[in-house]
Amino acid sequence: QVRLVESGGGLVQAGGSLRLSCAASGRIYSINAMGWYRQAPGKQRELVATISRDGSSNYADSVKGRSTISRDSAKNTVYLQMDSLKPEDTAVYYCKATTPILPYWGQGTQVTVSS
């Protein structure tokens, strides 16, 4: 089993920045990739960014150029740096760990961007 704990969400003005953190524990060796997803009210959960075991990353077009996913293997933590935030970035952000058997999700952290 893998446990994920997100932190770093909050209220920020448009144009501001936030860094989200996702700390993983448990069977970390089974994780193939980790990612950030978000869900706004009334909308489906959508991919924001992913990072694989080999370090390759992938971004949604909506955040490309404004967000950077990274990891600190020593701390078993994945980060999402978000810059130039827009009101449409407002959502609950979830961390996901992909393993060969099951995906694991964190509890989510709220990001609110005011105009």
Protein backbone atom coordinates (compact mmCIF):
# COMPACT_ATOMS: atom_id res chain seq x y z
CA GLN A 1 0.00 0.00 0.00
CA VAL A 2 1.06 3.56 -0.72
CA ARG A 3 0.03 6.57 1.34
CA LEU A 4 0.08 10.06 -0.13
CA VAL A 5 -0.20 13.30 1.80
CA GLU A 6 -0.57 16.59 -0.08
CA SER A 7 0.16 20.04 1.26
CA GLY A 8 0.77 23.55 0.02
CA GLY A 9 -2.63 24.60 -1.21
CA GLY A 10 -4.22 27.89 -0.30
CA LEU A 11 -5.63 31.18 -1.49
CA VAL A 12 -3.56 33.24 -3.89
CA GLN A 13 -4.19 36.20 -6.16
CA ALA A 14 -4.13 35.84 -9.91
CA GLY A 15 -0.58 35.99 -11.16
CA GLY A 16 0.79 34.49 -7.98
CA SER A 17 2.55 31.21 -7.30
CA LEU A 18 2.11 28.13 -5.17
CA ARG A 19 4.13 25.00 -4.62
CA LEU A 20 2.25 21.83 -3.83
CA SER A 21 3.96 18.90 -2.14
CA CYS A 22 3.05 15.23 -2.09
CA ALA A 23 4.84 13.00 0.39
CA ALA A 24 4.69 9.27 -0.29
CA SER A 25 5.13 6.48 2.21
CA GLY A 26 4.62 2.74 2.30
CA ARG A 27 5.52 0.57 -0.71
CA ILE A 28 7.31 3.35 -2.53
CA TYR A 29 9.39 0.91 -4.56
CA SER A 30 6.22 -0.15 -6.40
CA ILE A 31 5.51 3.33 -7.77
CA ASN A 32 6.01 3.69 -11.53
CA ALA A 33 4.88 7.27 -11.86
CA MET A 34 3.37 10.07 -9.86
CA GLY A 35 1.17 12.88 -10.92
CA TRP A 36 -1.02 15.80 -10.03
CA TYR A 37 -4.66 15.99 -11.00
CA ARG A 38 -7.30 18.57 -10.25
CA GLN A 39 -11.04 18.76 -9.98
CA ALA A 40 -13.01 21.97 -10.10
CA PRO A 41 -16.61 22.16 -8.87
CA GLY A 42 -18.96 20.54 -11.36
CA LYS A 43 -16.13 19.28 -13.54
CA GLN A 44 -14.36 15.99 -14.03
CA ARG A 45 -10.96 15.32 -12.53
CA GLU A 46 -8.25 16.17 -15.03
CA LEU A 47 -4.55 15.60 -15.39
CA VAL A 48 -2.23 18.47 -14.56
CA ALA A 49 1.23 16.90 -14.73
CA THR A 50 2.96 13.56 -14.31
CA ILE A 51 6.51 12.43 -13.70
CA SER A 52 7.68 8.90 -14.34
CA ARG A 53 10.32 6.80 -12.67
CA ASP A 54 12.89 7.81 -15.29
CA GLY A 55 12.18 11.48 -14.66
CA SER A 56 10.27 12.22 -17.82
CA SER A 57 7.35 14.59 -17.33
CA ASN A 58 4.11 15.41 -19.04
CA TYR A 59 1.85 18.45 -18.71
CA ALA A 60 -1.67 19.41 -19.60
CA ASP A 61 -1.79 22.13 -22.23
CA SER A 62 -3.62 24.38 -19.80
CA VAL A 63 -0.64 24.54 -17.42
CA LYS A 64 2.27 24.01 -19.81
CA GLY A 65 4.81 26.76 -19.40
CA ARG A 66 3.35 27.82 -16.06
CA SER A 67 3.90 24.69 -13.98
CA THR A 68 6.81 22.42 -13.18
CA ILE A 69 6.62 18.96 -11.65
CA SER A 70 9.69 17.69 -9.84
CA ARG A 71 10.66 15.14 -7.25
CA ASP A 72 13.05 14.68 -4.37
CA SER A 73 13.75 10.96 -4.20
CA ALA A 74 15.53 11.27 -0.86
CA LYS A 75 12.36 12.72 0.66
CA ASN A 76 9.96 10.57 -1.37
CA THR A 77 8.21 13.78 -2.31
CA VAL A 78 6.84 15.15 -5.56
CA TYR A 79 6.28 18.87 -6.05
CA LEU A 80 4.15 20.95 -8.36
CA GLN A 81 5.35 24.52 -8.77
CA MET A 82 2.59 26.64 -10.24
CA ASP A 83 3.28 30.16 -11.46
CA SER A 84 1.18 32.83 -13.16
CA LEU A 85 -1.90 31.33 -11.56
CA LYS A 86 -5.28 32.10 -13.06
CA PRO A 87 -8.77 31.95 -11.52
CA GLU A 88 -9.49 28.94 -13.73
CA ASP A 89 -6.76 27.05 -11.87
CA THR A 90 -9.04 26.99 -8.84
CA ALA A 91 -9.68 23.36 -7.91
CA VAL A 92 -8.89 20.60 -5.47
CA TYR A 93 -5.50 19.21 -6.44
CA TYR A 94 -4.87 15.51 -5.94
CA CYS A 95 -1.66 13.56 -5.96
CA LYS A 96 -1.68 10.14 -7.61
CA ALA A 97 0.78 7.27 -7.48
CA THR A 98 0.63 4.65 -10.21
CA THR A 99 1.71 1.11 -9.39
CA PRO A 100 1.44 -2.12 -11.43
CA ILE A 101 -1.59 -3.17 -9.41
CA LEU A 102 -3.47 -0.14 -8.18
CA PRO A 103 -3.46 3.65 -8.38
CA TYR A 104 -3.32 5.49 -5.08
CA TRP A 105 -4.72 8.94 -4.40
CA GLY A 106 -4.09 11.55 -1.76
CA GLN A 107 -6.84 13.39 0.06
CA GLY A 108 -6.47 16.55 -2.01
CA THR A 109 -5.51 20.11 -1.28
CA GLN A 110 -7.58 23.16 -2.20
CA VAL A 111 -6.12 25.82 -4.47
CA THR A 112 -8.15 29.00 -4.85
CA VAL A 113 -7.04 31.78 -7.18
CA SER A 114 -8.79 35.11 -6.78
CA SER A 115 -9.13 37.59 -9.60
